[in-house]
């Protein structure tokens, strides 16, 4: 796919056929994504206390959001098994963040050193 403005081929990762099938199968999910994205933006736009607990939980939450975006990208392009591996990792980060939020005394034993 040459473009007259470029002297090189542009790589396209997107697989339109897979994206269409994903969108068709997951139409309900796609209607929820704008609200979910707004909620994630709202949660992650707050200031956090720059201490061990605040920064650890904030960074785990940010990683969860990044993982979710990667899951959508992979799944929508036909790479469901790869997305499942990231889903497990995302879930583990969510559990860690929830636990550490409730039990900040576990930050040191948990191995978080800032």
PDB file of N, CA and C in Angstrom:
ATOM      1  N   UNK A   1       0.822  -1.184   0.000  1.00  0.00           N
ATOM      2  CA  UNK A   1       0.000   0.000   0.000  1.00  0.00           C
ATOM      3  C   UNK A   1       0.864   1.245   0.000  1.00  0.00           C
ATOM      4  N   UNK A   2       1.176   1.732  -1.130  1.00  0.00           N
ATOM      5  CA  UNK A   2       1.971   2.947  -1.194  1.00  0.00           C
ATOM      6  C   UNK A   2       1.071   4.156  -1.077  1.00  0.00           C
ATOM      7  N   UNK A   3       1.581   5.158  -0.426  1.00  0.00           N
ATOM      8  CA  UNK A   3       0.885   6.421  -0.292  1.00  0.00           C
ATOM      9  C   UNK A   3       1.757   7.459  -0.971  1.00  0.00           C
ATOM     10  N   UNK A   4       1.162   8.327  -1.758  1.00  0.00           N
ATOM     11  CA  UNK A   4       1.950   9.296  -2.500  1.00  0.00           C
ATOM     12  C   UNK A   4       2.708  10.255  -1.596  1.00  0.00           C
ATOM     13  N   UNK A   5       2.257  10.426  -0.336  1.00  0.00           N
ATOM     14  CA  UNK A   5       2.925  11.329   0.596  1.00  0.00           C
ATOM     15  C   UNK A   5       4.126  10.666   1.270  1.00  0.00           C
ATOM     16  N   UNK A   6       4.252   9.352   1.138  1.00  0.00           N
ATOM     17  CA  UNK A   6       5.323   8.617   1.792  1.00  0.00           C
ATOM     18  C   UNK A   6       6.130   7.850   0.748  1.00  0.00           C
ATOM     19  N   UNK A   7       7.385   7.653   1.054  1.00  0.00           N
ATOM     20  CA  UNK A   7       8.234   6.875   0.164  1.00  0.00           C
ATOM     21  C   UNK A   7       8.507   5.506   0.766  1.00  0.00           C
ATOM     22  N   UNK A   8       7.577   5.034   1.590  1.00  0.00           N
ATOM     23  CA  UNK A   8       7.724   3.733   2.227  1.00  0.00           C
ATOM     24  C   UNK A   8       6.333   3.112   2.390  1.00  0.00           C
ATOM     25  N   UNK A   9       6.355   1.826   2.585  1.00  0.00           N
ATOM     26  CA  UNK A   9       5.108   1.109   2.835  1.00  0.00           C
ATOM     27  C   UNK A   9       4.672   1.347   4.277  1.00  0.00           C
ATOM     28  N   UNK A  10       3.389   1.552   4.497  1.00  0.00           N
ATOM     29  CA  UNK A  10       2.854   1.751   5.841  1.00  0.00           C
ATOM     30  C   UNK A  10       2.314   0.416   6.327  1.00  0.00           C
ATOM     31  N   UNK A  11       2.815  -0.019   7.475  1.00  0.00           N
ATOM     32  CA  UNK A  11       2.373  -1.278   8.077  1.00  0.00           C
ATOM     33  C   UNK A  11       1.048  -1.060   8.782  1.00  0.00           C
ATOM     34  N   UNK A  12       0.092  -1.932   8.531  1.00  0.00           N
ATOM     35  CA  UNK A  12      -1.209  -1.882   9.196  1.00  0.00           C
ATOM     36  C   UNK A  12      -1.377  -3.148  10.018  1.00  0.00           C
ATOM     37  N   UNK A  13      -1.483  -2.983  11.326  1.00  0.00           N
ATOM     38  CA  UNK A  13      -1.678  -4.119  12.207  1.00  0.00           C
ATOM     39  C   UNK A  13      -3.122  -4.599  12.162  1.00  0.00           C
ATOM     40  N   UNK A  14      -4.020  -3.689  11.927  1.00  0.00           N
ATOM     41  CA  UNK A  14      -5.448  -3.968  11.971  1.00  0.00           C
ATOM     42  C   UNK A  14      -5.854  -5.027  10.952  1.00  0.00           C
ATOM     43  N   UNK A  15      -6.779  -5.875  11.375  1.00  0.00           N
ATOM     44  CA  UNK A  15      -7.354  -6.887  10.498  1.00  0.00           C
ATOM     45  C   UNK A  15      -8.857  -6.602  10.407  1.00  0.00           C
ATOM     46  N   UNK A  16      -9.276  -5.832   9.409  1.00  0.00           N
ATOM     47  CA  UNK A  16     -10.667  -5.372   9.321  1.00  0.00           C
ATOM     48  C   UNK A  16     -11.714  -6.485   9.406  1.00  0.00           C
ATOM     49  N   UNK A  17     -11.450  -7.635   8.804  1.00  0.00           N
ATOM     50  CA  UNK A  17     -12.422  -8.735   8.854  1.00  0.00           C
ATOM     51  C   UNK A  17     -12.601  -9.221  10.289  1.00  0.00           C
ATOM     52  N   UNK A  18     -11.494  -9.377  11.004  1.00  0.00           N
ATOM     53  CA  UNK A  18     -11.557  -9.802  12.407  1.00  0.00           C
ATOM     54  C   UNK A  18     -12.233  -8.743  13.268  1.00  0.00           C
ATOM     55  N   UNK A  19     -11.905  -7.469  13.017  1.00  0.00           N
ATOM     56  CA  UNK A  19     -12.519  -6.389  13.789  1.00  0.00           C
ATOM     57  C   UNK A  19     -14.028  -6.356  13.582  1.00  0.00           C
ATOM     58  N   UNK A  20     -14.460  -6.565  12.350  1.00  0.00           N
ATOM     59  CA  UNK A  20     -15.896  -6.580  12.065  1.00  0.00           C
ATOM     60  C   UNK A  20     -16.578  -7.732  12.808  1.00  0.00           C
ATOM     61  N   UNK A  21     -15.982  -8.917  12.741  1.00  0.00           N
ATOM     62  CA  UNK A  21     -16.561 -10.082  13.437  1.00  0.00           C
ATOM     63  C   UNK A  21     -16.609  -9.856  14.938  1.00  0.00           C
ATOM     64  N   UNK A  22     -15.525  -9.297  15.498  1.00  0.00           N
ATOM     65  CA  UNK A  22     -15.490  -9.007  16.935  1.00  0.00           C
ATOM     66  C   UNK A  22     -16.591  -8.014  17.300  1.00  0.00           C
ATOM     67  N   UNK A  23     -16.729  -6.958  16.510  1.00  0.00           N
ATOM     68  CA  UNK A  23     -17.741  -5.938  16.778  1.00  0.00           C
ATOM     69  C   UNK A  23     -19.145  -6.515  16.697  1.00  0.00           C
ATOM     70  N   UNK A  24     -19.361  -7.394  15.741  1.00  0.00           N
ATOM     71  CA  UNK A  24     -20.675  -8.025  15.592  1.00  0.00           C
ATOM     72  C   UNK A  24     -20.978  -8.928  16.790  1.00  0.00           C
ATOM     73  N   UNK A  25     -20.005  -9.730  17.203  1.00  0.00           N
ATOM     74  CA  UNK A  25     -20.199 -10.643  18.340  1.00  0.00           C
ATOM     75  C   UNK A  25     -20.322  -9.912  19.669  1.00  0.00           C
ATOM     76  N   UNK A  26     -19.707  -8.747  19.775  1.00  0.00           N
ATOM     77  CA  UNK A  26     -19.622  -8.045  21.055  1.00  0.00           C
ATOM     78  C   UNK A  26     -20.264  -6.667  21.002  1.00  0.00           C
ATOM     79  N   UNK A  27     -21.372  -6.559  20.286  1.00  0.00           N
ATOM     80  CA  UNK A  27     -22.034  -5.259  20.109  1.00  0.00           C
ATOM     81  C   UNK A  27     -22.403  -4.632  21.453  1.00  0.00           C
ATOM     82  N   UNK A  28     -22.891  -5.430  22.388  1.00  0.00           N
ATOM     83  CA  UNK A  28     -23.278  -4.902  23.705  1.00  0.00           C
ATOM     84  C   UNK A  28     -22.066  -4.326  24.428  1.00  0.00           C
ATOM     85  N   UNK A  29     -20.947  -5.040  24.413  1.00  0.00           N
ATOM     86  CA  UNK A  29     -19.722  -4.554  25.042  1.00  0.00           C
ATOM     87  C   UNK A  29     -19.317  -3.212  24.452  1.00  0.00           C
ATOM     88  N   UNK A  30     -19.373  -3.079  23.149  1.00  0.00           N
ATOM     89  CA  UNK A  30     -18.929  -1.858  22.496  1.00  0.00           C
ATOM     90  C   UNK A  30     -19.791  -0.658  22.871  1.00  0.00           C
ATOM     91  N   UNK A  31     -21.063  -0.894  23.203  1.00  0.00           N
ATOM     92  CA  UNK A  31     -21.902   0.220  23.656  1.00  0.00           C
ATOM     93  C   UNK A  31     -21.509   0.659  25.067  1.00  0.00           C
ATOM     94  N   UNK A  32     -20.890  -0.244  25.839  1.00  0.00           N
ATOM     95  CA  UNK A  32     -20.490   0.071  27.209  1.00  0.00           C
ATOM     96  C   UNK A  32     -19.110   0.730  27.292  1.00  0.00           C
ATOM     97  N   UNK A  33     -18.300   0.576  26.267  1.00  0.00           N
ATOM     98  CA  UNK A  33     -16.915   1.056  26.323  1.00  0.00           C
ATOM     99  C   UNK A  33     -16.772   2.555  26.571  1.00  0.00           C
ATOM    100  N   UNK A  34     -17.568   3.428  25.956  1.00  0.00           N
ATOM    101  CA  UNK A  34     -17.390   4.864  26.255  1.00  0.00           C
ATOM    102  C   UNK A  34     -17.590   5.186  27.739  1.00  0.00           C
ATOM    103  N   UNK A  35     -18.612   4.602  28.354  1.00  0.00           N
ATOM    104  CA  UNK A  35     -18.833   4.853  29.782  1.00  0.00           C
ATOM    105  C   UNK A  35     -17.724   4.239  30.620  1.00  0.00           C
ATOM    106  N   UNK A  36     -17.267   3.063  30.244  1.00  0.00           N
ATOM    107  CA  UNK A  36     -16.170   2.424  30.966  1.00  0.00           C
ATOM    108  C   UNK A  36     -14.903   3.258  30.857  1.00  0.00           C
ATOM    109  N   UNK A  37     -14.623   3.763  29.674  1.00  0.00           N
ATOM    110  CA  UNK A  37     -13.449   4.602  29.466  1.00  0.00           C
ATOM    111  C   UNK A  37     -13.540   5.874  30.306  1.00  0.00           C
ATOM    112  N   UNK A  38     -14.725   6.495  30.347  1.00  0.00           N
ATOM    113  CA  UNK A  38     -14.915   7.691  31.163  1.00  0.00           C
ATOM    114  C   UNK A  38     -14.701   7.388  32.640  1.00  0.00           C
ATOM    115  N   UNK A  39     -15.190   6.246  33.099  1.00  0.00           N
ATOM    116  CA  UNK A  39     -15.012   5.859  34.505  1.00  0.00           C
ATOM    117  C   UNK A  39     -13.532   5.654  34.818  1.00  0.00           C
ATOM    118  N   UNK A  40     -12.808   4.976  33.916  1.00  0.00           N
ATOM    119  CA  UNK A  40     -11.374   4.767  34.139  1.00  0.00           C
ATOM    120  C   UNK A  40     -10.631   6.103  34.148  1.00  0.00           C
ATOM    121  N   UNK A  41     -10.986   7.002  33.240  1.00  0.00           N
ATOM    122  CA  UNK A  41     -10.362   8.328  33.219  1.00  0.00           C
ATOM    123  C   UNK A  41     -10.629   9.060  34.527  1.00  0.00           C
ATOM    124  N   UNK A  42     -11.857   8.976  35.007  1.00  0.00           N
ATOM    125  CA  UNK A  42     -12.236   9.654  36.252  1.00  0.00           C
ATOM    126  C   UNK A  42     -11.433   9.110  37.435  1.00  0.00           C
ATOM    127  N   UNK A  43     -11.321   7.805  37.534  1.00  0.00           N
ATOM    128  CA  UNK A  43     -10.587   7.189  38.641  1.00  0.00           C
ATOM    129  C   UNK A  43      -9.110   7.544  38.585  1.00  0.00           C
ATOM    130  N   UNK A  44      -8.530   7.504  37.402  1.00  0.00           N
ATOM    131  CA  UNK A  44      -7.092   7.707  37.273  1.00  0.00           C
ATOM    132  C   UNK A  44      -6.683   9.175  37.160  1.00  0.00           C
ATOM    133  N   UNK A  45      -7.663  10.091  37.160  1.00  0.00           N
ATOM    134  CA  UNK A  45      -7.313  11.511  37.063  1.00  0.00           C
ATOM    135  C   UNK A  45      -7.198  12.169  38.432  1.00  0.00           C
ATOM    136  N   UNK A  46      -7.487  11.434  39.491  1.00  0.00           N
ATOM    137  CA  UNK A  46      -7.376  11.984  40.838  1.00  0.00           C
ATOM    138  C   UNK A  46      -5.923  12.041  41.281  1.00  0.00           C
ATOM    139  N   UNK A  47      -5.636  12.993  42.141  1.00  0.00           N
ATOM    140  CA  UNK A  47      -4.311  13.065  42.751  1.00  0.00           C
ATOM    141  C   UNK A  47      -4.177  11.933  43.761  1.00  0.00           C
ATOM    142  N   UNK A  48      -2.991  11.418  43.883  1.00  0.00           N
ATOM    143  CA  UNK A  48      -2.740  10.379  44.875  1.00  0.00           C
ATOM    144  C   UNK A  48      -1.655  10.870  45.822  1.00  0.00           C
ATOM    145  N   UNK A  49      -1.706  10.360  47.020  1.00  0.00           N
ATOM    146  CA  UNK A  49      -0.667  10.681  47.988  1.00  0.00           C
ATOM    147  C   UNK A  49       0.624  10.026  47.501  1.00  0.00           C
ATOM    148  N   UNK A  50       1.689  10.792  47.490  1.00  0.00           N
ATOM    149  CA  UNK A  50       2.961  10.283  46.963  1.00  0.00           C
ATOM    150  C   UNK A  50       3.706   9.478  48.021  1.00  0.00           C
ATOM    151  N   UNK A  51       3.008   8.502  48.567  1.00  0.00           N
ATOM    152  CA  UNK A  51       3.650   7.584  49.499  1.00  0.00           C
ATOM    153  C   UNK A  51       3.606   6.188  48.895  1.00  0.00           C
ATOM    154  N   UNK A  52       4.172   5.248  49.600  1.00  0.00           N
ATOM    155  CA  UNK A  52       4.265   3.873  49.091  1.00  0.00           C
ATOM    156  C   UNK A  52       2.897   3.322  48.699  1.00  0.00           C
ATOM    157  N   UNK A  53       1.903   3.473  49.576  1.00  0.00           N
ATOM    158  CA  UNK A  53       0.574   2.926  49.299  1.00  0.00           C
ATOM    159  C   UNK A  53      -0.065   3.608  48.091  1.00  0.00           C
ATOM    160  N   UNK A  54      -0.088   4.933  48.101  1.00  0.00           N
ATOM    161  CA  UNK A  54      -0.744   5.664  47.017  1.00  0.00           C
ATOM    162  C   UNK A  54      -0.147   5.371  45.664  1.00  0.00           C
ATOM    163  N   UNK A  55       1.177   5.421  45.589  1.00  0.00           N
ATOM    164  CA  UNK A  55       1.835   5.195  44.302  1.00  0.00           C
ATOM    165  C   UNK A  55       1.721   3.750  43.832  1.00  0.00           C
ATOM    166  N   UNK A  56       1.814   2.811  44.764  1.00  0.00           N
ATOM    167  CA  UNK A  56       1.730   1.394  44.389  1.00  0.00           C
ATOM    168  C   UNK A  56       0.356   1.072  43.815  1.00  0.00           C
ATOM    169  N   UNK A  57      -0.678   1.490  44.514  1.00  0.00           N
ATOM    170  CA  UNK A  57      -2.029   1.175  44.055  1.00  0.00           C
ATOM    171  C   UNK A  57      -2.348   1.922  42.764  1.00  0.00           C
ATOM    172  N   UNK A  58      -1.908   3.171  42.666  1.00  0.00           N
ATOM    173  CA  UNK A  58      -2.135   3.937  41.442  1.00  0.00           C
ATOM    174  C   UNK A  58      -1.458   3.266  40.248  1.00  0.00           C
ATOM    175  N   UNK A  59      -0.216   2.844  40.413  1.00  0.00           N
ATOM    176  CA  UNK A  59       0.490   2.224  39.292  1.00  0.00           C
ATOM    177  C   UNK A  59      -0.105   0.868  38.921  1.00  0.00           C
ATOM    178  N   UNK A  60      -0.565   0.113  39.913  1.00  0.00           N
ATOM    179  CA  UNK A  60      -1.246  -1.153  39.591  1.00  0.00           C
ATOM    180  C   UNK A  60      -2.527  -0.878  38.801  1.00  0.00           C
ATOM    181  N   UNK A  61      -3.254   0.167  39.191  1.00  0.00           N
ATOM    182  CA  UNK A  61      -4.480   0.530  38.464  1.00  0.00           C
ATOM    183  C   UNK A  61      -4.156   0.963  37.037  1.00  0.00           C
ATOM    184  N   UNK A  62      -3.098   1.736  36.861  1.00  0.00           N
ATOM    185  CA  UNK A  62      -2.697   2.148  35.517  1.00  0.00           C
ATOM    186  C   UNK A  62      -2.324   0.953  34.651  1.00  0.00           C
ATOM    187  N   UNK A  63      -1.617  -0.005  35.256  1.00  0.00           N
ATOM    188  CA  UNK A  63      -1.262  -1.221  34.511  1.00  0.00           C
ATOM    189  C   UNK A  63      -2.507  -1.998  34.125  1.00  0.00           C
ATOM    190  N   UNK A  64      -3.504  -2.046  35.004  1.00  0.00           N
ATOM    191  CA  UNK A  64      -4.759  -2.723  34.671  1.00  0.00           C
ATOM    192  C   UNK A  64      -5.407  -2.069  33.460  1.00  0.00           C
ATOM    193  N   UNK A  65      -5.417  -0.747  33.442  1.00  0.00           N
ATOM    194  CA  UNK A  65      -6.012  -0.038  32.306  1.00  0.00           C
ATOM    195  C   UNK A  65      -5.247  -0.344  31.017  1.00  0.00           C
ATOM    196  N   UNK A  66      -3.928  -0.308  31.076  1.00  0.00           N
ATOM    197  CA  UNK A  66      -3.123  -0.613  29.889  1.00  0.00           C
ATOM    198  C   UNK A  66      -3.356  -2.045  29.429  1.00  0.00           C
ATOM    199  N   UNK A  67      -3.440  -2.968  30.381  1.00  0.00           N
ATOM    200  CA  UNK A  67      -3.714  -4.360  30.033  1.00  0.00           C
ATOM    201  C   UNK A  67      -5.067  -4.491  29.340  1.00  0.00           C
ATOM    202  N   UNK A  68      -6.068  -3.777  29.852  1.00  0.00           N
ATOM    203  CA  UNK A  68      -7.406  -3.832  29.253  1.00  0.00           C
ATOM    204  C   UNK A  68      -7.373  -3.347  27.804  1.00  0.00           C
ATOM    205  N   UNK A  69      -6.641  -2.283  27.544  1.00  0.00           N
ATOM    206  CA  UNK A  69      -6.527  -1.773  26.180  1.00  0.00           C
ATOM    207  C   UNK A  69      -5.840  -2.794  25.269  1.00  0.00           C
ATOM    208  N   UNK A  70      -4.810  -3.456  25.786  1.00  0.00           N
ATOM    209  CA  UNK A  70      -4.122  -4.477  25.001  1.00  0.00           C
ATOM    210  C   UNK A  70      -5.042  -5.666  24.727  1.00  0.00           C
ATOM    211  N   UNK A  71      -5.835  -6.039  25.706  1.00  0.00           N
ATOM    212  CA  UNK A  71      -6.778  -7.136  25.534  1.00  0.00           C
ATOM    213  C   UNK A  71      -7.757  -6.817  24.408  1.00  0.00           C
ATOM    214  N   UNK A  72      -8.304  -5.607  24.412  1.00  0.00           N
ATOM    215  CA  UNK A  72      -9.236  -5.219  23.350  1.00  0.00           C
ATOM    216  C   UNK A  72      -8.570  -5.232  21.979  1.00  0.00           C
ATOM    217  N   UNK A  73      -7.359  -4.717  21.909  1.00  0.00           N
ATOM    218  CA  UNK A  73      -6.648  -4.692  20.630  1.00  0.00           C
ATOM    219  C   UNK A  73      -6.408  -6.105  20.113  1.00  0.00           C
ATOM    220  N   UNK A  74      -5.900  -6.973  20.977  1.00  0.00           N
ATOM    221  CA  UNK A  74      -5.620  -8.347  20.553  1.00  0.00           C
ATOM    222  C   UNK A  74      -6.896  -9.107  20.210  1.00  0.00           C
ATOM    223  N   UNK A  75      -7.882  -9.034  21.094  1.00  0.00           N
ATOM    224  CA  UNK A  75      -9.123  -9.789  20.873  1.00  0.00           C
ATOM    225  C   UNK A  75      -9.847  -9.326  19.616  1.00  0.00           C
ATOM    226  N   UNK A  76      -9.852  -8.021  19.380  1.00  0.00           N
ATOM    227  CA  UNK A  76     -10.573  -7.510  18.207  1.00  0.00           C
ATOM    228  C   UNK A  76      -9.876  -7.837  16.899  1.00  0.00           C
ATOM    229  N   UNK A  77      -8.637  -8.271  16.964  1.00  0.00           N
ATOM    230  CA  UNK A  77      -7.894  -8.633  15.758  1.00  0.00           C
ATOM    231  C   UNK A  77      -7.662 -10.135  15.641  1.00  0.00           C
ATOM    232  N   UNK A  78      -8.443 -10.912  16.405  1.00  0.00           N
ATOM    233  CA  UNK A  78      -8.396 -12.362  16.258  1.00  0.00           C
ATOM    234  C   UNK A  78      -7.333 -13.068  17.076  1.00  0.00           C
ATOM    235  N   UNK A  79      -6.779 -12.401  18.073  1.00  0.00           N
ATOM    236  CA  UNK A  79      -5.736 -13.007  18.904  1.00  0.00           C
ATOM    237  C   UNK A  79      -6.266 -13.246  20.319  1.00  0.00           C
ATOM    238  N   UNK A  80      -7.328 -14.022  20.402  1.00  0.00           N
ATOM    239  CA  UNK A  80      -7.995 -14.263  21.676  1.00  0.00           C
ATOM    240  C   UNK A  80      -7.145 -14.972  22.712  1.00  0.00           C
ATOM    241  N   UNK A  81      -6.342 -15.946  22.286  1.00  0.00           N
ATOM    242  CA  UNK A  81      -5.515 -16.669  23.251  1.00  0.00           C
ATOM    243  C   UNK A  81      -4.442 -15.761  23.854  1.00  0.00           C
ATOM    244  N   UNK A  82      -3.874 -14.892  23.056  1.00  0.00           N
ATOM    245  CA  UNK A  82      -2.899 -13.931  23.578  1.00  0.00           C
ATOM    246  C   UNK A  82      -3.583 -12.973  24.556  1.00  0.00           C
ATOM    247  N   UNK A  83      -4.810 -12.577  24.239  1.00  0.00           N
ATOM    248  CA  UNK A  83      -5.565 -11.683  25.125  1.00  0.00           C
ATOM    249  C   UNK A  83      -5.855 -12.356  26.460  1.00  0.00           C
ATOM    250  N   UNK A  84      -6.108 -13.655  26.449  1.00  0.00           N
ATOM    251  CA  UNK A  84      -6.379 -14.378  27.699  1.00  0.00           C
ATOM    252  C   UNK A  84      -5.185 -14.348  28.645  1.00  0.00           C
ATOM    253  N   UNK A  85      -3.976 -14.435  28.118  1.00  0.00           N
ATOM    254  CA  UNK A  85      -2.781 -14.359  28.957  1.00  0.00           C
ATOM    255  C   UNK A  85      -2.679 -13.014  29.655  1.00  0.00           C
ATOM    256  N   UNK A  86      -3.004 -11.957  28.956  1.00  0.00           N
ATOM    257  CA  UNK A  86      -2.963 -10.620  29.543  1.00  0.00           C
ATOM    258  C   UNK A  86      -4.116 -10.445  30.528  1.00  0.00           C
ATOM    259  N   UNK A  87      -5.268 -11.062  30.231  1.00  0.00           N
ATOM    260  CA  UNK A  87      -6.412 -10.981  31.148  1.00  0.00           C
ATOM    261  C   UNK A  87      -6.052 -11.552  32.515  1.00  0.00           C
ATOM    262  N   UNK A  88      -5.376 -12.672  32.519  1.00  0.00           N
ATOM    263  CA  UNK A  88      -4.969 -13.261  33.805  1.00  0.00           C
ATOM    264  C   UNK A  88      -4.041 -12.313  34.558  1.00  0.00           C
ATOM    265  N   UNK A  89      -3.090 -11.744  33.866  1.00  0.00           N
ATOM    266  CA  UNK A  89      -2.167 -10.801  34.484  1.00  0.00           C
ATOM    267  C   UNK A  89      -2.909  -9.574  35.016  1.00  0.00           C
ATOM    268  N   UNK A  90      -3.869  -9.068  34.243  1.00  0.00           N
ATOM    269  CA  UNK A  90      -4.653  -7.914  34.673  1.00  0.00           C
ATOM    270  C   UNK A  90      -5.436  -8.239  35.937  1.00  0.00           C
ATOM    271  N   UNK A  91      -6.047  -9.408  35.979  1.00  0.00           N
ATOM    272  CA  UNK A  91      -6.818  -9.821  37.147  1.00  0.00           C
ATOM    273  C   UNK A  91      -5.918  -9.912  38.384  1.00  0.00           C
ATOM    274  N   UNK A  92      -4.714 -10.454  38.211  1.00  0.00           N
ATOM    275  CA  UNK A  92      -3.782 -10.554  39.336  1.00  0.00           C
ATOM    276  C   UNK A  92      -3.398  -9.177  39.863  1.00  0.00           C
ATOM    277  N   UNK A  93      -3.183  -8.212  38.964  1.00  0.00           N
ATOM    278  CA  UNK A  93      -2.872  -6.843  39.399  1.00  0.00           C
ATOM    279  C   UNK A  93      -4.054  -6.234  40.141  1.00  0.00           C
ATOM    280  N   UNK A  94      -5.272  -6.495  39.659  1.00  0.00           N
ATOM    281  CA  UNK A  94      -6.478  -5.984  40.322  1.00  0.00           C
ATOM    282  C   UNK A  94      -6.606  -6.557  41.731  1.00  0.00           C
ATOM    283  N   UNK A  95      -6.381  -7.850  41.872  1.00  0.00           N
ATOM    284  CA  UNK A  95      -6.440  -8.485  43.194  1.00  0.00           C
ATOM    285  C   UNK A  95      -5.363  -7.899  44.099  1.00  0.00           C
ATOM    286  N   UNK A  96      -4.154  -7.739  43.580  1.00  0.00           N
ATOM    287  CA  UNK A  96      -3.070  -7.150  44.370  1.00  0.00           C
ATOM    288  C   UNK A  96      -3.429  -5.744  44.838  1.00  0.00           C
ATOM    289  N   UNK A  97      -3.917  -4.916  43.933  1.00  0.00           N
ATOM    290  CA  UNK A  97      -4.261  -3.530  44.283  1.00  0.00           C
ATOM    291  C   UNK A  97      -5.372  -3.494  45.330  1.00  0.00           C
ATOM    292  N   UNK A  98      -6.388  -4.325  45.159  1.00  0.00           N
ATOM    293  CA  UNK A  98      -7.496  -4.366  46.123  1.00  0.00           C
ATOM    294  C   UNK A  98      -7.010  -4.798  47.499  1.00  0.00           C
ATOM    295  N   UNK A  99      -6.178  -5.826  47.529  1.00  0.00           N
ATOM    296  CA  UNK A  99      -5.668  -6.331  48.797  1.00  0.00           C
ATOM    297  C   UNK A  99      -4.783  -5.291  49.490  1.00  0.00           C
ATOM    298  N   UNK A 100      -3.876  -4.689  48.731  1.00  0.00           N
ATOM    299  CA  UNK A 100      -2.965  -3.716  49.327  1.00  0.00           C
ATOM    300  C   UNK A 100      -3.682  -2.444  49.780  1.00  0.00           C
ATOM    301  N   UNK A 101      -4.759  -2.108  49.103  1.00  0.00           N
ATOM    302  CA  UNK A 101      -5.558  -0.956  49.530  1.00  0.00           C
ATOM    303  C   UNK A 101      -6.180  -1.224  50.903  1.00  0.00           C
ATOM    304  N   UNK A 102      -6.648  -2.437  51.106  1.00  0.00           N
ATOM    305  CA  UNK A 102      -7.274  -2.811  52.383  1.00  0.00           C
ATOM    306  C   UNK A 102      -6.250  -3.132  53.460  1.00  0.00           C
ATOM    307  N   UNK A 103      -5.055  -3.540  53.073  1.00  0.00           N
ATOM    308  CA  UNK A 103      -4.025  -3.975  54.020  1.00  0.00           C
ATOM    309  C   UNK A 103      -2.679  -3.301  53.698  1.00  0.00           C
ATOM    310  N   UNK A 104      -2.570  -1.989  53.891  1.00  0.00           N
ATOM    311  CA  UNK A 104      -1.334  -1.294  53.524  1.00  0.00           C
ATOM    312  C   UNK A 104      -0.108  -1.771  54.306  1.00  0.00           C
ATOM    313  N   UNK A 105      -0.334  -2.393  55.454  1.00  0.00           N
ATOM    314  CA  UNK A 105       0.787  -2.912  56.231  1.00  0.00           C
ATOM    315  C   UNK A 105       1.495  -4.047  55.506  1.00  0.00           C
ATOM    316  N   UNK A 106       0.882  -4.592  54.478  1.00  0.00           N
ATOM    317  CA  UNK A 106       1.456  -5.692  53.708  1.00  0.00           C
ATOM    318  C   UNK A 106       2.341  -5.224  52.548  1.00  0.00           C
ATOM    319  N   UNK A 107       2.462  -3.916  52.358  1.00  0.00           N
ATOM    320  CA  UNK A 107       3.274  -3.426  51.241  1.00  0.00           C
ATOM    321  C   UNK A 107       4.711  -3.917  51.316  1.00  0.00           C
ATOM    322  N   UNK A 108       5.321  -3.843  52.487  1.00  0.00           N
ATOM    323  CA  UNK A 108       6.710  -4.308  52.628  1.00  0.00           C
ATOM    324  C   UNK A 108       6.807  -5.821  52.465  1.00  0.00           C
ATOM    325  N   UNK A 109       5.986  -6.610  53.213  1.00  0.00           N
ATOM    326  CA  UNK A 109       6.064  -8.059  53.021  1.00  0.00           C
ATOM    327  C   UNK A 109       5.714  -8.489  51.584  1.00  0.00           C
ATOM    328  N   UNK A 110       4.880  -7.693  50.928  1.00  0.00           N
ATOM    329  CA  UNK A 110       4.474  -7.995  49.564  1.00  0.00           C
ATOM    330  C   UNK A 110       5.647  -7.826  48.608  1.00  0.00           C
ATOM    331  N   UNK A 111       6.635  -7.073  49.030  1.00  0.00           N
ATOM    332  CA  UNK A 111       7.830  -6.889  48.194  1.00  0.00           C
ATOM    333  C   UNK A 111       7.864  -5.586  47.442  1.00  0.00           C
ATOM    334  N   UNK A 112       6.971  -4.661  47.782  1.00  0.00           N
ATOM    335  CA  UNK A 112       6.956  -3.378  47.097  1.00  0.00           C
ATOM    336  C   UNK A 112       7.902  -2.439  47.833  1.00  0.00           C
ATOM    337  N   UNK A 113       8.943  -2.007  47.146  1.00  0.00           N
ATOM    338  CA  UNK A 113       9.890  -1.065  47.725  1.00  0.00           C
ATOM    339  C   UNK A 113       9.961   0.129  46.794  1.00  0.00           C
ATOM    340  N   UNK A 114       9.654   1.280  47.344  1.00  0.00           N
ATOM    341  CA  UNK A 114       9.688   2.517  46.541  1.00  0.00           C
ATOM    342  C   UNK A 114      10.766   3.417  47.090  1.00  0.00           C
TER     343      UNK A 114
END
